[in-house]
């Protein structure tokens, strides 16, 4: 017979590991580039776009900062809308899950 105390310890350890991993992933920065490095972006592990850099050689140098800000805002708007849809769909699924406090599942 399985020891419920042991199962709770395993569950707590796994929960902490998941939480720590999630935090680590959220803090990760990833950089991407295109056009031989003429356009560069930085994203966090959350999917949030944090920086866009456009080489002055491919646009009017006076409008680079405005373009970067507008692109950043548009991408983050799309990411926010995506997150809302994902949250809505996952909420539908989570209603079907058993109550996590139901201890009979752990025995």
PDB file of N, CA and C in Angstrom:
ATOM      1  N   UNK A   1       0.841  -1.181   0.000  1.00  0.00           N
ATOM      2  CA  UNK A   1       0.000   0.000   0.000  1.00  0.00           C
ATOM      3  C   UNK A   1       0.892   1.252   0.000  1.00  0.00           C
ATOM      4  N   UNK A   2       0.474   2.245  -0.738  1.00  0.00           N
ATOM      5  CA  UNK A   2       1.242   3.476  -0.870  1.00  0.00           C
ATOM      6  C   UNK A   2       1.049   4.352   0.356  1.00  0.00           C
ATOM      7  N   UNK A   3       2.141   4.929   0.825  1.00  0.00           N
ATOM      8  CA  UNK A   3       2.116   5.817   1.975  1.00  0.00           C
ATOM      9  C   UNK A   3       1.652   7.204   1.527  1.00  0.00           C
ATOM     10  N   UNK A   4       0.492   7.682   2.020  1.00  0.00           N
ATOM     11  CA  UNK A   4      -0.007   9.003   1.606  1.00  0.00           C
ATOM     12  C   UNK A   4       0.972  10.130   1.925  1.00  0.00           C
ATOM     13  N   UNK A   5       1.682  10.023   3.048  1.00  0.00           N
ATOM     14  CA  UNK A   5       2.652  11.051   3.412  1.00  0.00           C
ATOM     15  C   UNK A   5       3.763  11.153   2.369  1.00  0.00           C
ATOM     16  N   UNK A   6       4.200  10.017   1.881  1.00  0.00           N
ATOM     17  CA  UNK A   6       5.228   9.981   0.843  1.00  0.00           C
ATOM     18  C   UNK A   6       4.726  10.623  -0.445  1.00  0.00           C
ATOM     19  N   UNK A   7       3.477  10.349  -0.781  1.00  0.00           N
ATOM     20  CA  UNK A   7       2.877  10.932  -1.991  1.00  0.00           C
ATOM     21  C   UNK A   7       2.796  12.452  -1.873  1.00  0.00           C
ATOM     22  N   UNK A   8       2.425  12.948  -0.681  1.00  0.00           N
ATOM     23  CA  UNK A   8       2.346  14.396  -0.477  1.00  0.00           C
ATOM     24  C   UNK A   8       3.728  15.035  -0.606  1.00  0.00           C
ATOM     25  N   UNK A   9       4.752  14.377  -0.065  1.00  0.00           N
ATOM     26  CA  UNK A   9       6.114  14.904  -0.176  1.00  0.00           C
ATOM     27  C   UNK A   9       6.544  14.967  -1.635  1.00  0.00           C
ATOM     28  N   UNK A  10       6.226  13.913  -2.390  1.00  0.00           N
ATOM     29  CA  UNK A  10       6.564  13.888  -3.812  1.00  0.00           C
ATOM     30  C   UNK A  10       5.826  14.993  -4.555  1.00  0.00           C
ATOM     31  N   UNK A  11       4.552  15.151  -4.223  1.00  0.00           N
ATOM     32  CA  UNK A  11       3.741  16.183  -4.867  1.00  0.00           C
ATOM     33  C   UNK A  11       4.273  17.574  -4.540  1.00  0.00           C
ATOM     34  N   UNK A  12       4.634  17.808  -3.287  1.00  0.00           N
ATOM     35  CA  UNK A  12       5.185  19.109  -2.889  1.00  0.00           C
ATOM     36  C   UNK A  12       6.510  19.389  -3.587  1.00  0.00           C
ATOM     37  N   UNK A  13       7.371  18.364  -3.686  1.00  0.00           N
ATOM     38  CA  UNK A  13       8.664  18.537  -4.360  1.00  0.00           C
ATOM     39  C   UNK A  13       8.461  18.849  -5.833  1.00  0.00           C
ATOM     40  N   UNK A  14       7.536  18.147  -6.455  1.00  0.00           N
ATOM     41  CA  UNK A  14       7.254  18.387  -7.868  1.00  0.00           C
ATOM     42  C   UNK A  14       6.665  19.777  -8.079  1.00  0.00           C
ATOM     43  N   UNK A  15       5.776  20.186  -7.212  1.00  0.00           N
ATOM     44  CA  UNK A  15       5.172  21.519  -7.308  1.00  0.00           C
ATOM     45  C   UNK A  15       6.239  22.601  -7.194  1.00  0.00           C
ATOM     46  N   UNK A  16       7.177  22.446  -6.245  1.00  0.00           N
ATOM     47  CA  UNK A  16       8.259  23.421  -6.097  1.00  0.00           C
ATOM     48  C   UNK A  16       9.144  23.431  -7.335  1.00  0.00           C
ATOM     49  N   UNK A  17       9.453  22.257  -7.867  1.00  0.00           N
ATOM     50  CA  UNK A  17      10.298  22.180  -9.057  1.00  0.00           C
ATOM     51  C   UNK A  17       9.620  22.866 -10.248  1.00  0.00           C
ATOM     52  N   UNK A  18       8.329  22.645 -10.408  1.00  0.00           N
ATOM     53  CA  UNK A  18       7.584  23.285 -11.492  1.00  0.00           C
ATOM     54  C   UNK A  18       7.602  24.800 -11.320  1.00  0.00           C
ATOM     55  N   UNK A  19       7.368  25.262 -10.103  1.00  0.00           N
ATOM     56  CA  UNK A  19       7.359  26.702  -9.830  1.00  0.00           C
ATOM     57  C   UNK A  19       8.732  27.327 -10.091  1.00  0.00           C
ATOM     58  N   UNK A  20       9.791  26.671  -9.621  1.00  0.00           N
ATOM     59  CA  UNK A  20      11.148  27.182  -9.831  1.00  0.00           C
ATOM     60  C   UNK A  20      11.501  27.219 -11.314  1.00  0.00           C
ATOM     61  N   UNK A  21      11.114  26.172 -12.031  1.00  0.00           N
ATOM     62  CA  UNK A  21      11.389  26.109 -13.467  1.00  0.00           C
ATOM     63  C   UNK A  21      10.625  27.196 -14.204  1.00  0.00           C
ATOM     64  N   UNK A  22       9.381  27.398 -13.843  1.00  0.00           N
ATOM     65  CA  UNK A  22       8.566  28.439 -14.472  1.00  0.00           C
ATOM     66  C   UNK A  22       9.197  29.813 -14.266  1.00  0.00           C
ATOM     67  N   UNK A  23       9.651  30.089 -13.048  1.00  0.00           N
ATOM     68  CA  UNK A  23      10.297  31.368 -12.753  1.00  0.00           C
ATOM     69  C   UNK A  23      11.563  31.537 -13.586  1.00  0.00           C
ATOM     70  N   UNK A  24      12.356  30.484 -13.671  1.00  0.00           N
ATOM     71  CA  UNK A  24      13.592  30.523 -14.453  1.00  0.00           C
ATOM     72  C   UNK A  24      13.300  30.779 -15.933  1.00  0.00           C
ATOM     73  N   UNK A  25      12.303  30.111 -16.463  1.00  0.00           N
ATOM     74  CA  UNK A  25      11.933  30.280 -17.874  1.00  0.00           C
ATOM     75  C   UNK A  25      11.447  31.707 -18.124  1.00  0.00           C
ATOM     76  N   UNK A  26      10.624  32.232 -17.230  1.00  0.00           N
ATOM     77  CA  UNK A  26      10.093  33.580 -17.400  1.00  0.00           C
ATOM     78  C   UNK A  26      11.200  34.628 -17.456  1.00  0.00           C
ATOM     79  N   UNK A  27      12.299  34.390 -16.773  1.00  0.00           N
ATOM     80  CA  UNK A  27      13.403  35.352 -16.722  1.00  0.00           C
ATOM     81  C   UNK A  27      14.367  35.222 -17.896  1.00  0.00           C
ATOM     82  N   UNK A  28      14.287  34.125 -18.639  1.00  0.00           N
ATOM     83  CA  UNK A  28      15.206  33.916 -19.758  1.00  0.00           C
ATOM     84  C   UNK A  28      14.997  34.962 -20.838  1.00  0.00           C
ATOM     85  N   UNK A  29      16.086  35.423 -21.416  1.00  0.00           N
ATOM     86  CA  UNK A  29      16.033  36.332 -22.561  1.00  0.00           C
ATOM     87  C   UNK A  29      16.561  35.582 -23.771  1.00  0.00           C
ATOM     88  N   UNK A  30      15.834  35.710 -24.870  1.00  0.00           N
ATOM     89  CA  UNK A  30      16.263  35.104 -26.121  1.00  0.00           C
ATOM     90  C   UNK A  30      16.303  36.194 -27.174  1.00  0.00           C
ATOM     91  N   UNK A  31      17.368  36.182 -27.964  1.00  0.00           N
ATOM     92  CA  UNK A  31      17.518  37.189 -29.017  1.00  0.00           C
ATOM     93  C   UNK A  31      17.409  36.517 -30.372  1.00  0.00           C
ATOM     94  N   UNK A  32      16.756  37.213 -31.293  1.00  0.00           N
ATOM     95  CA  UNK A  32      16.627  36.727 -32.659  1.00  0.00           C
ATOM     96  C   UNK A  32      17.005  37.832 -33.626  1.00  0.00           C
ATOM     97  N   UNK A  33      17.327  37.437 -34.849  1.00  0.00           N
ATOM     98  CA  UNK A  33      17.731  38.429 -35.842  1.00  0.00           C
ATOM     99  C   UNK A  33      17.302  37.967 -37.224  1.00  0.00           C
ATOM    100  N   UNK A  34      17.170  38.931 -38.121  1.00  0.00           N
ATOM    101  CA  UNK A  34      16.899  38.626 -39.522  1.00  0.00           C
ATOM    102  C   UNK A  34      17.609  39.667 -40.378  1.00  0.00           C
ATOM    103  N   UNK A  35      17.640  39.407 -41.674  1.00  0.00           N
ATOM    104  CA  UNK A  35      18.277  40.359 -42.591  1.00  0.00           C
ATOM    105  C   UNK A  35      19.740  40.574 -42.267  1.00  0.00           C
ATOM    106  N   UNK A  36      20.450  39.481 -42.008  1.00  0.00           N
ATOM    107  CA  UNK A  36      21.880  39.553 -41.672  1.00  0.00           C
ATOM    108  C   UNK A  36      22.130  40.488 -40.487  1.00  0.00           C
ATOM    109  N   UNK A  37      21.213  40.455 -39.516  1.00  0.00           N
ATOM    110  CA  UNK A  37      21.379  41.255 -38.305  1.00  0.00           C
ATOM    111  C   UNK A  37      20.850  42.667 -38.405  1.00  0.00           C
ATOM    112  N   UNK A  38      20.173  43.009 -39.509  1.00  0.00           N
ATOM    113  CA  UNK A  38      19.659  44.378 -39.643  1.00  0.00           C
ATOM    114  C   UNK A  38      18.428  44.617 -38.768  1.00  0.00           C
ATOM    115  N   UNK A  39      17.724  43.535 -38.405  1.00  0.00           N
ATOM    116  CA  UNK A  39      16.595  43.633 -37.478  1.00  0.00           C
ATOM    117  C   UNK A  39      16.849  42.622 -36.364  1.00  0.00           C
ATOM    118  N   UNK A  40      16.804  43.107 -35.124  1.00  0.00           N
ATOM    119  CA  UNK A  40      17.053  42.254 -33.966  1.00  0.00           C
ATOM    120  C   UNK A  40      15.914  42.432 -32.970  1.00  0.00           C
ATOM    121  N   UNK A  41      15.546  41.332 -32.309  1.00  0.00           N
ATOM    122  CA  UNK A  41      14.503  41.390 -31.281  1.00  0.00           C
ATOM    123  C   UNK A  41      14.966  40.616 -30.054  1.00  0.00           C
ATOM    124  N   UNK A  42      14.397  40.984 -28.913  1.00  0.00           N
ATOM    125  CA  UNK A  42      14.646  40.286 -27.656  1.00  0.00           C
ATOM    126  C   UNK A  42      13.300  39.933 -27.046  1.00  0.00           C
ATOM    127  N   UNK A  43      13.149  38.673 -26.625  1.00  0.00           N
ATOM    128  CA  UNK A  43      11.922  38.234 -25.966  1.00  0.00           C
ATOM    129  C   UNK A  43      12.266  37.564 -24.646  1.00  0.00           C
ATOM    130  N   UNK A  44      11.331  37.655 -23.710  1.00  0.00           N
ATOM    131  CA  UNK A  44      11.463  36.960 -22.432  1.00  0.00           C
ATOM    132  C   UNK A  44      10.841  35.576 -22.555  1.00  0.00           C
ATOM    133  N   UNK A  45      11.091  34.742 -21.574  1.00  0.00           N
ATOM    134  CA  UNK A  45      10.510  33.406 -21.555  1.00  0.00           C
ATOM    135  C   UNK A  45       8.998  33.421 -21.448  1.00  0.00           C
ATOM    136  N   UNK A  46       8.439  34.539 -21.054  1.00  0.00           N
ATOM    137  CA  UNK A  46       6.986  34.688 -20.978  1.00  0.00           C
ATOM    138  C   UNK A  46       6.370  34.890 -22.357  1.00  0.00           C
ATOM    139  N   UNK A  47       7.243  35.126 -23.346  1.00  0.00           N
ATOM    140  CA  UNK A  47       6.764  35.426 -24.684  1.00  0.00           C
ATOM    141  C   UNK A  47       6.674  36.923 -24.945  1.00  0.00           C
ATOM    142  N   UNK A  48       6.947  37.714 -23.933  1.00  0.00           N
ATOM    143  CA  UNK A  48       6.865  39.171 -24.048  1.00  0.00           C
ATOM    144  C   UNK A  48       8.051  39.697 -24.836  1.00  0.00           C
ATOM    145  N   UNK A  49       7.748  40.431 -25.904  1.00  0.00           N
ATOM    146  CA  UNK A  49       8.776  41.089 -26.703  1.00  0.00           C
ATOM    147  C   UNK A  49       9.223  42.326 -25.945  1.00  0.00           C
ATOM    148  N   UNK A  50      10.525  42.434 -25.689  1.00  0.00           N
ATOM    149  CA  UNK A  50      11.018  43.541 -24.873  1.00  0.00           C
ATOM    150  C   UNK A  50      11.838  44.567 -25.638  1.00  0.00           C
ATOM    151  N   UNK A  51      12.365  44.173 -26.799  1.00  0.00           N
ATOM    152  CA  UNK A  51      13.208  45.126 -27.518  1.00  0.00           C
ATOM    153  C   UNK A  51      13.233  44.804 -29.002  1.00  0.00           C
ATOM    154  N   UNK A  52      13.213  45.856 -29.809  1.00  0.00           N
ATOM    155  CA  UNK A  52      13.374  45.747 -31.259  1.00  0.00           C
ATOM    156  C   UNK A  52      14.458  46.737 -31.661  1.00  0.00           C
ATOM    157  N   UNK A  53      15.378  46.279 -32.488  1.00  0.00           N
ATOM    158  CA  UNK A  53      16.426  47.160 -33.005  1.00  0.00           C
ATOM    159  C   UNK A  53      16.416  47.060 -34.530  1.00  0.00           C
ATOM    160  N   UNK A  54      16.319  48.200 -35.194  1.00  0.00           N
ATOM    161  CA  UNK A  54      16.304  48.243 -36.653  1.00  0.00           C
ATOM    162  C   UNK A  54      17.520  49.043 -37.111  1.00  0.00           C
ATOM    163  N   UNK A  55      18.272  48.475 -38.017  1.00  0.00           N
ATOM    164  CA  UNK A  55      19.469  49.138 -38.530  1.00  0.00           C
ATOM    165  C   UNK A  55      19.082  50.384 -39.326  1.00  0.00           C
ATOM    166  N   UNK A  56      19.757  51.488 -39.091  1.00  0.00           N
ATOM    167  CA  UNK A  56      19.475  52.711 -39.840  1.00  0.00           C
ATOM    168  C   UNK A  56      19.671  52.544 -41.348  1.00  0.00           C
ATOM    169  N   UNK A  57      20.418  51.547 -41.750  1.00  0.00           N
ATOM    170  CA  UNK A  57      20.688  51.362 -43.182  1.00  0.00           C
ATOM    171  C   UNK A  57      19.467  50.907 -43.978  1.00  0.00           C
ATOM    172  N   UNK A  58      18.403  50.446 -43.299  1.00  0.00           N
ATOM    173  CA  UNK A  58      17.240  49.955 -44.047  1.00  0.00           C
ATOM    174  C   UNK A  58      16.005  50.846 -43.929  1.00  0.00           C
ATOM    175  N   UNK A  59      16.108  51.937 -43.158  1.00  0.00           N
ATOM    176  CA  UNK A  59      14.981  52.871 -43.005  1.00  0.00           C
ATOM    177  C   UNK A  59      15.491  54.296 -42.851  1.00  0.00           C
ATOM    178  N   UNK A  60      14.563  55.221 -42.855  1.00  0.00           N
ATOM    179  CA  UNK A  60      14.895  56.621 -42.579  1.00  0.00           C
ATOM    180  C   UNK A  60      15.360  56.722 -41.126  1.00  0.00           C
ATOM    181  N   UNK A  61      16.592  57.146 -40.905  1.00  0.00           N
ATOM    182  CA  UNK A  61      17.136  57.192 -39.538  1.00  0.00           C
ATOM    183  C   UNK A  61      16.304  58.020 -38.563  1.00  0.00           C
ATOM    184  N   UNK A  62      15.578  58.996 -39.060  1.00  0.00           N
ATOM    185  CA  UNK A  62      14.775  59.840 -38.178  1.00  0.00           C
ATOM    186  C   UNK A  62      13.525  59.137 -37.663  1.00  0.00           C
ATOM    187  N   UNK A  63      13.121  58.030 -38.301  1.00  0.00           N
ATOM    188  CA  UNK A  63      11.881  57.359 -37.894  1.00  0.00           C
ATOM    189  C   UNK A  63      12.104  55.997 -37.243  1.00  0.00           C
ATOM    190  N   UNK A  64      13.347  55.618 -37.015  1.00  0.00           N
ATOM    191  CA  UNK A  64      13.634  54.290 -36.446  1.00  0.00           C
ATOM    192  C   UNK A  64      12.977  54.097 -35.082  1.00  0.00           C
ATOM    193  N   UNK A  65      13.162  55.020 -34.182  1.00  0.00           N
ATOM    194  CA  UNK A  65      12.639  54.853 -32.825  1.00  0.00           C
ATOM    195  C   UNK A  65      11.117  54.731 -32.829  1.00  0.00           C
ATOM    196  N   UNK A  66      10.452  55.535 -33.645  1.00  0.00           N
ATOM    197  CA  UNK A  66       8.988  55.462 -33.749  1.00  0.00           C
ATOM    198  C   UNK A  66       8.567  54.100 -34.303  1.00  0.00           C
ATOM    199  N   UNK A  67       9.251  53.626 -35.353  1.00  0.00           N
ATOM    200  CA  UNK A  67       8.939  52.319 -35.932  1.00  0.00           C
ATOM    201  C   UNK A  67       9.131  51.203 -34.907  1.00  0.00           C
ATOM    202  N   UNK A  68      10.229  51.254 -34.175  1.00  0.00           N
ATOM    203  CA  UNK A  68      10.499  50.229 -33.171  1.00  0.00           C
ATOM    204  C   UNK A  68       9.395  50.200 -32.114  1.00  0.00           C
ATOM    205  N   UNK A  69       8.985  51.374 -31.644  1.00  0.00           N
ATOM    206  CA  UNK A  69       7.934  51.451 -30.630  1.00  0.00           C
ATOM    207  C   UNK A  69       6.595  50.942 -31.157  1.00  0.00           C
ATOM    208  N   UNK A  70       6.247  51.319 -32.394  1.00  0.00           N
ATOM    209  CA  UNK A  70       4.980  50.875 -32.977  1.00  0.00           C
ATOM    210  C   UNK A  70       4.962  49.360 -33.194  1.00  0.00           C
ATOM    211  N   UNK A  71       6.067  48.806 -33.678  1.00  0.00           N
ATOM    212  CA  UNK A  71       6.144  47.362 -33.886  1.00  0.00           C
ATOM    213  C   UNK A  71       6.071  46.641 -32.548  1.00  0.00           C
ATOM    214  N   UNK A  72       6.783  47.132 -31.565  1.00  0.00           N
ATOM    215  CA  UNK A  72       6.770  46.538 -30.234  1.00  0.00           C
ATOM    216  C   UNK A  72       5.349  46.532 -29.663  1.00  0.00           C
ATOM    217  N   UNK A  73       4.649  47.646 -29.779  1.00  0.00           N
ATOM    218  CA  UNK A  73       3.283  47.746 -29.268  1.00  0.00           C
ATOM    219  C   UNK A  73       2.344  46.796 -30.005  1.00  0.00           C
ATOM    220  N   UNK A  74       2.480  46.684 -31.316  1.00  0.00           N
ATOM    221  CA  UNK A  74       1.605  45.807 -32.098  1.00  0.00           C
ATOM    222  C   UNK A  74       1.842  44.340 -31.756  1.00  0.00           C
ATOM    223  N   UNK A  75       3.094  43.958 -31.641  1.00  0.00           N
ATOM    224  CA  UNK A  75       3.404  42.560 -31.303  1.00  0.00           C
ATOM    225  C   UNK A  75       2.889  42.235 -29.910  1.00  0.00           C
ATOM    226  N   UNK A  76       3.109  43.105 -28.961  1.00  0.00           N
ATOM    227  CA  UNK A  76       2.640  42.841 -27.598  1.00  0.00           C
ATOM    228  C   UNK A  76       1.122  42.847 -27.513  1.00  0.00           C
ATOM    229  N   UNK A  77       0.449  43.647 -28.331  1.00  0.00           N
ATOM    230  CA  UNK A  77      -1.011  43.615 -28.396  1.00  0.00           C
ATOM    231  C   UNK A  77      -1.477  42.239 -28.877  1.00  0.00           C
ATOM    232  N   UNK A  78      -0.842  41.733 -29.911  1.00  0.00           N
ATOM    233  CA  UNK A  78      -1.198  40.407 -30.424  1.00  0.00           C
ATOM    234  C   UNK A  78      -0.911  39.328 -29.374  1.00  0.00           C
ATOM    235  N   UNK A  79       0.207  39.437 -28.679  1.00  0.00           N
ATOM    236  CA  UNK A  79       0.536  38.450 -27.645  1.00  0.00           C
ATOM    237  C   UNK A  79      -0.471  38.500 -26.497  1.00  0.00           C
ATOM    238  N   UNK A  80      -0.912  39.695 -26.116  1.00  0.00           N
ATOM    239  CA  UNK A  80      -1.917  39.819 -25.063  1.00  0.00           C
ATOM    240  C   UNK A  80      -3.233  39.182 -25.480  1.00  0.00           C
ATOM    241  N   UNK A  81      -3.643  39.415 -26.715  1.00  0.00           N
ATOM    242  CA  UNK A  81      -4.885  38.812 -27.214  1.00  0.00           C
ATOM    243  C   UNK A  81      -4.770  37.297 -27.268  1.00  0.00           C
ATOM    244  N   UNK A  82      -3.589  36.801 -27.654  1.00  0.00           N
ATOM    245  CA  UNK A  82      -3.351  35.364 -27.684  1.00  0.00           C
ATOM    246  C   UNK A  82      -3.462  34.790 -26.277  1.00  0.00           C
ATOM    247  N   UNK A  83      -2.861  35.468 -25.309  1.00  0.00           N
ATOM    248  CA  UNK A  83      -2.908  35.004 -23.931  1.00  0.00           C
ATOM    249  C   UNK A  83      -4.348  34.966 -23.410  1.00  0.00           C
ATOM    250  N   UNK A  84      -5.137  35.959 -23.757  1.00  0.00           N
ATOM    251  CA  UNK A  84      -6.545  35.972 -23.342  1.00  0.00           C
ATOM    252  C   UNK A  84      -7.282  34.757 -23.895  1.00  0.00           C
ATOM    253  N   UNK A  85      -7.041  34.429 -25.162  1.00  0.00           N
ATOM    254  CA  UNK A  85      -7.697  33.273 -25.773  1.00  0.00           C
ATOM    255  C   UNK A  85      -7.234  31.970 -25.127  1.00  0.00           C
ATOM    256  N   UNK A  86      -5.940  31.854 -24.887  1.00  0.00           N
ATOM    257  CA  UNK A  86      -5.400  30.646 -24.256  1.00  0.00           C
ATOM    258  C   UNK A  86      -5.986  30.490 -22.853  1.00  0.00           C
ATOM    259  N   UNK A  87      -6.026  31.582 -22.099  1.00  0.00           N
ATOM    260  CA  UNK A  87      -6.569  31.542 -20.742  1.00  0.00           C
ATOM    261  C   UNK A  87      -8.034  31.115 -20.763  1.00  0.00           C
ATOM    262  N   UNK A  88      -8.781  31.650 -21.700  1.00  0.00           N
ATOM    263  CA  UNK A  88     -10.195  31.297 -21.824  1.00  0.00           C
ATOM    264  C   UNK A  88     -10.365  29.805 -22.131  1.00  0.00           C
ATOM    265  N   UNK A  89      -9.594  29.297 -23.079  1.00  0.00           N
ATOM    266  CA  UNK A  89      -9.702  27.884 -23.457  1.00  0.00           C
ATOM    267  C   UNK A  89      -9.234  26.966 -22.331  1.00  0.00           C
ATOM    268  N   UNK A  90      -8.149  27.339 -21.655  1.00  0.00           N
ATOM    269  CA  UNK A  90      -7.653  26.521 -20.553  1.00  0.00           C
ATOM    270  C   UNK A  90      -8.625  26.540 -19.381  1.00  0.00           C
ATOM    271  N   UNK A  91      -9.309  27.659 -19.199  1.00  0.00           N
ATOM    272  CA  UNK A  91     -10.331  27.751 -18.150  1.00  0.00           C
ATOM    273  C   UNK A  91     -11.452  26.765 -18.387  1.00  0.00           C
ATOM    274  N   UNK A  92     -11.838  26.590 -19.650  1.00  0.00           N
ATOM    275  CA  UNK A  92     -12.878  25.616 -19.982  1.00  0.00           C
ATOM    276  C   UNK A  92     -12.433  24.206 -19.606  1.00  0.00           C
ATOM    277  N   UNK A  93     -11.174  23.903 -19.903  1.00  0.00           N
ATOM    278  CA  UNK A  93     -10.643  22.573 -19.610  1.00  0.00           C
ATOM    279  C   UNK A  93     -10.511  22.361 -18.108  1.00  0.00           C
ATOM    280  N   UNK A  94     -10.040  23.386 -17.395  1.00  0.00           N
ATOM    281  CA  UNK A  94      -9.786  23.231 -15.962  1.00  0.00           C
ATOM    282  C   UNK A  94     -11.069  22.948 -15.186  1.00  0.00           C
ATOM    283  N   UNK A  95     -12.198  23.363 -15.716  1.00  0.00           N
ATOM    284  CA  UNK A  95     -13.476  23.083 -15.046  1.00  0.00           C
ATOM    285  C   UNK A  95     -13.774  21.590 -15.044  1.00  0.00           C
ATOM    286  N   UNK A  96     -13.156  20.861 -15.964  1.00  0.00           N
ATOM    287  CA  UNK A  96     -13.393  19.424 -16.066  1.00  0.00           C
ATOM    288  C   UNK A  96     -12.456  18.614 -15.174  1.00  0.00           C
ATOM    289  N   UNK A  97     -11.409  19.251 -14.649  1.00  0.00           N
ATOM    290  CA  UNK A  97     -10.450  18.544 -13.810  1.00  0.00           C
ATOM    291  C   UNK A  97     -11.039  18.261 -12.444  1.00  0.00           C
ATOM    292  N   UNK A  98     -10.596  17.148 -11.829  1.00  0.00           N
ATOM    293  CA  UNK A  98     -11.073  16.870 -10.474  1.00  0.00           C
ATOM    294  C   UNK A  98     -10.504  17.876  -9.487  1.00  0.00           C
ATOM    295  N   UNK A  99     -11.192  18.040  -8.370  1.00  0.00           N
ATOM    296  CA  UNK A  99     -10.758  18.949  -7.313  1.00  0.00           C
ATOM    297  C   UNK A  99      -9.383  18.511  -6.816  1.00  0.00           C
ATOM    298  N   UNK A 100      -8.364  19.391  -6.901  1.00  0.00           N
ATOM    299  CA  UNK A 100      -7.011  18.998  -6.483  1.00  0.00           C
ATOM    300  C   UNK A 100      -6.905  18.690  -4.992  1.00  0.00           C
ATOM    301  N   UNK A 101      -7.877  19.125  -4.207  1.00  0.00           N
ATOM    302  CA  UNK A 101      -7.846  18.841  -2.776  1.00  0.00           C
ATOM    303  C   UNK A 101      -8.494  17.504  -2.435  1.00  0.00           C
ATOM    304  N   UNK A 102      -8.976  16.828  -3.452  1.00  0.00           N
ATOM    305  CA  UNK A 102      -9.593  15.522  -3.225  1.00  0.00           C
ATOM    306  C   UNK A 102      -8.467  14.526  -2.922  1.00  0.00           C
ATOM    307  N   UNK A 103      -8.295  14.200  -1.674  1.00  0.00           N
ATOM    308  CA  UNK A 103      -7.168  13.377  -1.242  1.00  0.00           C
ATOM    309  C   UNK A 103      -7.250  11.944  -1.734  1.00  0.00           C
ATOM    310  N   UNK A 104      -8.416  11.480  -2.095  1.00  0.00           N
ATOM    311  CA  UNK A 104      -8.535  10.097  -2.576  1.00  0.00           C
ATOM    312  C   UNK A 104      -7.727   9.868  -3.838  1.00  0.00           C
ATOM    313  N   UNK A 105      -7.501  10.910  -4.615  1.00  0.00           N
ATOM    314  CA  UNK A 105      -6.708  10.771  -5.849  1.00  0.00           C
ATOM    315  C   UNK A 105      -5.258  10.438  -5.528  1.00  0.00           C
ATOM    316  N   UNK A 106      -4.774  10.843  -4.375  1.00  0.00           N
ATOM    317  CA  UNK A 106      -3.373  10.664  -4.017  1.00  0.00           C
ATOM    318  C   UNK A 106      -3.095   9.320  -3.358  1.00  0.00           C
ATOM    319  N   UNK A 107      -4.101   8.596  -3.025  1.00  0.00           N
ATOM    320  CA  UNK A 107      -3.911   7.329  -2.325  1.00  0.00           C
ATOM    321  C   UNK A 107      -3.974   6.160  -3.281  1.00  0.00           C
TER     322      UNK A 107
END
